[in-house]
PDB file of N, CA and C in Angstrom:
ATOM      1  N   UNK A   1       0.813  -1.189   0.000  1.00  0.00           N
ATOM      2  CA  UNK A   1       0.000   0.000   0.000  1.00  0.00           C
ATOM      3  C   UNK A   1       0.862   1.260   0.000  1.00  0.00           C
ATOM      4  N   UNK A   2       2.173   1.082   0.079  1.00  0.00           N
ATOM      5  CA  UNK A   2       3.077   2.216   0.006  1.00  0.00           C
ATOM      6  C   UNK A   2       3.194   3.022   1.284  1.00  0.00           C
ATOM      7  N   UNK A   3       2.783   2.454   2.402  1.00  0.00           N
ATOM      8  CA  UNK A   3       2.855   3.163   3.678  1.00  0.00           C
ATOM      9  C   UNK A   3       4.134   2.743   4.405  1.00  0.00           C
ATOM     10  N   UNK A   4       4.974   3.713   4.775  1.00  0.00           N
ATOM     11  CA  UNK A   4       6.182   3.343   5.505  1.00  0.00           C
ATOM     12  C   UNK A   4       5.830   2.793   6.893  1.00  0.00           C
ATOM     13  N   UNK A   5       6.544   1.739   7.309  1.00  0.00           N
ATOM     14  CA  UNK A   5       6.289   1.116   8.615  1.00  0.00           C
ATOM     15  C   UNK A   5       7.608   0.894   9.360  1.00  0.00           C
ATOM     16  N   UNK A   6       8.326   1.968   9.674  1.00  0.00           N
ATOM     17  CA  UNK A   6       9.643   1.806  10.279  1.00  0.00           C
ATOM     18  C   UNK A   6       9.633   1.112  11.646  1.00  0.00           C
ATOM     19  N   UNK A   7       8.612   1.359  12.444  1.00  0.00           N
ATOM     20  CA  UNK A   7       8.559   0.720  13.768  1.00  0.00           C
ATOM     21  C   UNK A   7       8.315  -0.776  13.618  1.00  0.00           C
ATOM     22  N   UNK A   8       7.368  -1.153  12.753  1.00  0.00           N
ATOM     23  CA  UNK A   8       7.094  -2.574  12.532  1.00  0.00           C
ATOM     24  C   UNK A   8       8.295  -3.272  11.917  1.00  0.00           C
ATOM     25  N   UNK A   9       8.971  -2.592  10.992  1.00  0.00           N
ATOM     26  CA  UNK A   9      10.185  -3.156  10.393  1.00  0.00           C
ATOM     27  C   UNK A   9      11.221  -3.455  11.476  1.00  0.00           C
ATOM     28  N   UNK A  10      11.368  -2.525  12.428  1.00  0.00           N
ATOM     29  CA  UNK A  10      12.320  -2.719  13.523  1.00  0.00           C
ATOM     30  C   UNK A  10      11.925  -3.892  14.403  1.00  0.00           C
ATOM     31  N   UNK A  11      10.621  -4.034  14.665  1.00  0.00           N
ATOM     32  CA  UNK A  11      10.152  -5.149  15.502  1.00  0.00           C
ATOM     33  C   UNK A  11      10.397  -6.493  14.838  1.00  0.00           C
ATOM     34  N   UNK A  12      10.204  -6.569  13.535  1.00  0.00           N
ATOM     35  CA  UNK A  12      10.473  -7.814  12.809  1.00  0.00           C
ATOM     36  C   UNK A  12      11.969  -8.132  12.891  1.00  0.00           C
ATOM     37  N   UNK A  13      12.794  -7.123  12.715  1.00  0.00           N
ATOM     38  CA  UNK A  13      14.240  -7.342  12.795  1.00  0.00           C
ATOM     39  C   UNK A  13      14.672  -7.754  14.201  1.00  0.00           C
ATOM     40  N   UNK A  14      14.129  -7.111  15.216  1.00  0.00           N
ATOM     41  CA  UNK A  14      14.458  -7.487  16.600  1.00  0.00           C
ATOM     42  C   UNK A  14      13.971  -8.895  16.921  1.00  0.00           C
ATOM     43  N   UNK A  15      12.781  -9.235  16.459  1.00  0.00           N
ATOM     44  CA  UNK A  15      12.267 -10.589  16.658  1.00  0.00           C
ATOM     45  C   UNK A  15      13.180 -11.613  16.028  1.00  0.00           C
ATOM     46  N   UNK A  16      13.719 -11.296  14.859  1.00  0.00           N
ATOM     47  CA  UNK A  16      14.653 -12.193  14.194  1.00  0.00           C
ATOM     48  C   UNK A  16      15.906 -12.427  15.012  1.00  0.00           C
ATOM     49  N   UNK A  17      16.389 -11.375  15.656  1.00  0.00           N
ATOM     50  CA  UNK A  17      17.571 -11.516  16.515  1.00  0.00           C
ATOM     51  C   UNK A  17      17.241 -12.441  17.681  1.00  0.00           C
ATOM     52  N   UNK A  18      16.086 -12.229  18.306  1.00  0.00           N
ATOM     53  CA  UNK A  18      15.690 -13.064  19.442  1.00  0.00           C
ATOM     54  C   UNK A  18      15.485 -14.527  19.050  1.00  0.00           C
ATOM     55  N   UNK A  19      14.925 -14.754  17.874  1.00  0.00           N
ATOM     56  CA  UNK A  19      14.651 -16.111  17.406  1.00  0.00           C
ATOM     57  C   UNK A  19      15.827 -16.749  16.681  1.00  0.00           C
ATOM     58  N   UNK A  20      16.842 -15.934  16.413  1.00  0.00           N
ATOM     59  CA  UNK A  20      18.022 -16.371  15.665  1.00  0.00           C
ATOM     60  C   UNK A  20      17.639 -16.927  14.298  1.00  0.00           C
ATOM     61  N   UNK A  21      16.755 -16.194  13.606  1.00  0.00           N
ATOM     62  CA  UNK A  21      16.384 -16.554  12.243  1.00  0.00           C
ATOM     63  C   UNK A  21      16.009 -15.285  11.486  1.00  0.00           C
ATOM     64  N   UNK A  22      16.004 -15.380  10.194  1.00  0.00           N
ATOM     65  CA  UNK A  22      15.661 -14.242   9.356  1.00  0.00           C
ATOM     66  C   UNK A  22      14.150 -14.225   9.145  1.00  0.00           C
ATOM     67  N   UNK A  23      13.459 -13.462   9.964  1.00  0.00           N
ATOM     68  CA  UNK A  23      11.995 -13.419   9.892  1.00  0.00           C
ATOM     69  C   UNK A  23      11.500 -12.810   8.592  1.00  0.00           C
ATOM     70  N   UNK A  24      12.329 -12.024   7.928  1.00  0.00           N
ATOM     71  CA  UNK A  24      11.935 -11.476   6.621  1.00  0.00           C
ATOM     72  C   UNK A  24      11.838 -12.604   5.598  1.00  0.00           C
ATOM     73  N   UNK A  25      12.629 -13.650   5.772  1.00  0.00           N
ATOM     74  CA  UNK A  25      12.607 -14.786   4.847  1.00  0.00           C
ATOM     75  C   UNK A  25      11.626 -15.869   5.280  1.00  0.00           C
ATOM     76  N   UNK A  26      11.479 -16.077   6.585  1.00  0.00           N
ATOM     77  CA  UNK A  26      10.664 -17.191   7.078  1.00  0.00           C
ATOM     78  C   UNK A  26       9.255 -16.784   7.489  1.00  0.00           C
ATOM     79  N   UNK A  27       8.986 -15.486   7.542  1.00  0.00           N
ATOM     80  CA  UNK A  27       7.671 -15.008   7.974  1.00  0.00           C
ATOM     81  C   UNK A  27       6.599 -15.214   6.913  1.00  0.00           C
ATOM     82  N   UNK A  28       5.382 -14.924   7.278  1.00  0.00           N
ATOM     83  CA  UNK A  28       4.255 -15.081   6.361  1.00  0.00           C
ATOM     84  C   UNK A  28       4.280 -14.002   5.290  1.00  0.00           C
ATOM     85  N   UNK A  29       3.884 -14.390   4.106  1.00  0.00           N
ATOM     86  CA  UNK A  29       3.824 -13.448   2.987  1.00  0.00           C
ATOM     87  C   UNK A  29       2.370 -13.024   2.750  1.00  0.00           C
ATOM     88  N   UNK A  30       2.188 -12.040   1.894  1.00  0.00           N
ATOM     89  CA  UNK A  30       0.834 -11.635   1.526  1.00  0.00           C
ATOM     90  C   UNK A  30       0.081 -12.792   0.889  1.00  0.00           C
ATOM     91  N   UNK A  31       0.806 -13.616   0.131  1.00  0.00           N
ATOM     92  CA  UNK A  31       0.190 -14.796  -0.475  1.00  0.00           C
ATOM     93  C   UNK A  31      -0.277 -15.777   0.601  1.00  0.00           C
ATOM     94  N   UNK A  32       0.581 -16.003   1.609  1.00  0.00           N
ATOM     95  CA  UNK A  32       0.216 -16.904   2.707  1.00  0.00           C
ATOM     96  C   UNK A  32      -1.045 -16.421   3.423  1.00  0.00           C
ATOM     97  N   UNK A  33      -1.179 -15.107   3.557  1.00  0.00           N
ATOM     98  CA  UNK A  33      -2.318 -14.528   4.253  1.00  0.00           C
ATOM     99  C   UNK A  33      -3.563 -14.413   3.372  1.00  0.00           C
ATOM    100  N   UNK A  34      -3.403 -14.673   2.074  1.00  0.00           N
ATOM    101  CA  UNK A  34      -4.529 -14.625   1.155  1.00  0.00           C
ATOM    102  C   UNK A  34      -4.942 -13.221   0.756  1.00  0.00           C
ATOM    103  N   UNK A  35      -4.031 -12.259   0.883  1.00  0.00           N
ATOM    104  CA  UNK A  35      -4.387 -10.881   0.564  1.00  0.00           C
ATOM    105  C   UNK A  35      -3.529 -10.290  -0.555  1.00  0.00           C
ATOM    106  N   UNK A  36      -2.743 -11.101  -1.206  1.00  0.00           N
ATOM    107  CA  UNK A  36      -1.893 -10.615  -2.291  1.00  0.00           C
ATOM    108  C   UNK A  36      -2.744 -10.063  -3.420  1.00  0.00           C
ATOM    109  N   UNK A  37      -2.374  -8.926  -3.944  1.00  0.00           N
ATOM    110  CA  UNK A  37      -3.054  -8.347  -5.081  1.00  0.00           C
ATOM    111  C   UNK A  37      -4.329  -7.595  -4.757  1.00  0.00           C
ATOM    112  N   UNK A  38      -4.709  -7.537  -3.480  1.00  0.00           N
ATOM    113  CA  UNK A  38      -5.921  -6.802  -3.118  1.00  0.00           C
ATOM    114  C   UNK A  38      -5.670  -5.298  -3.188  1.00  0.00           C
ATOM    115  N   UNK A  39      -6.687  -4.570  -3.625  1.00  0.00           N
ATOM    116  CA  UNK A  39      -6.625  -3.106  -3.581  1.00  0.00           C
ATOM    117  C   UNK A  39      -6.870  -2.673  -2.134  1.00  0.00           C
ATOM    118  N   UNK A  40      -6.653  -1.404  -1.867  1.00  0.00           N
ATOM    119  CA  UNK A  40      -6.898  -0.890  -0.521  1.00  0.00           C
ATOM    120  C   UNK A  40      -8.358  -1.084  -0.124  1.00  0.00           C
ATOM    121  N   UNK A  41      -9.275  -0.816  -1.037  1.00  0.00           N
ATOM    122  CA  UNK A  41     -10.702  -0.998  -0.737  1.00  0.00           C
ATOM    123  C   UNK A  41     -11.035  -2.468  -0.486  1.00  0.00           C
ATOM    124  N   UNK A  42     -10.461  -3.366  -1.280  1.00  0.00           N
ATOM    125  CA  UNK A  42     -10.693  -4.798  -1.076  1.00  0.00           C
ATOM    126  C   UNK A  42     -10.143  -5.257   0.274  1.00  0.00           C
ATOM    127  N   UNK A  43      -8.969  -4.756   0.633  1.00  0.00           N
ATOM    128  CA  UNK A  43      -8.364  -5.126   1.910  1.00  0.00           C
ATOM    129  C   UNK A  43      -9.193  -4.614   3.076  1.00  0.00           C
ATOM    130  N   UNK A  44      -9.653  -3.381   2.997  1.00  0.00           N
ATOM    131  CA  UNK A  44     -10.508  -2.828   4.057  1.00  0.00           C
ATOM    132  C   UNK A  44     -11.772  -3.664   4.214  1.00  0.00           C
ATOM    133  N   UNK A  45     -12.395  -4.005   3.108  1.00  0.00           N
ATOM    134  CA  UNK A  45     -13.617  -4.804   3.139  1.00  0.00           C
ATOM    135  C   UNK A  45     -13.345  -6.176   3.754  1.00  0.00           C
ATOM    136  N   UNK A  46     -12.252  -6.789   3.358  1.00  0.00           N
ATOM    137  CA  UNK A  46     -11.863  -8.100   3.872  1.00  0.00           C
ATOM    138  C   UNK A  46     -11.645  -8.058   5.377  1.00  0.00           C
ATOM    139  N   UNK A  47     -10.975  -7.016   5.857  1.00  0.00           N
ATOM    140  CA  UNK A  47     -10.684  -6.902   7.283  1.00  0.00           C
ATOM    141  C   UNK A  47     -11.926  -6.601   8.107  1.00  0.00           C
ATOM    142  N   UNK A  48     -12.852  -5.817   7.573  1.00  0.00           N
ATOM    143  CA  UNK A  48     -14.054  -5.455   8.300  1.00  0.00           C
ATOM    144  C   UNK A  48     -15.050  -6.606   8.325  1.00  0.00           C
ATOM    145  N   UNK A  49     -15.196  -7.272   7.195  1.00  0.00           N
ATOM    146  CA  UNK A  49     -16.186  -8.340   7.081  1.00  0.00           C
ATOM    147  C   UNK A  49     -15.675  -9.675   7.583  1.00  0.00           C
ATOM    148  N   UNK A  50     -14.334  -9.812   7.637  1.00  0.00           N
ATOM    149  CA  UNK A  50     -13.706 -11.015   8.145  1.00  0.00           C
ATOM    150  C   UNK A  50     -13.960 -12.187   7.313  1.00  0.00           C
TER     151      UNK A  50
END
């Protein structure tokens, strides 16, 4: 969505240090979550309607 997330990026990196793994590589992707390719409106609808 083009929104900067510096705090979340830092938390993922810190979590990786604690877990001793690269969470950027092993974490869930948009595809895994089933939201890849959704527009902002589609994502909002998906999150609200569940």
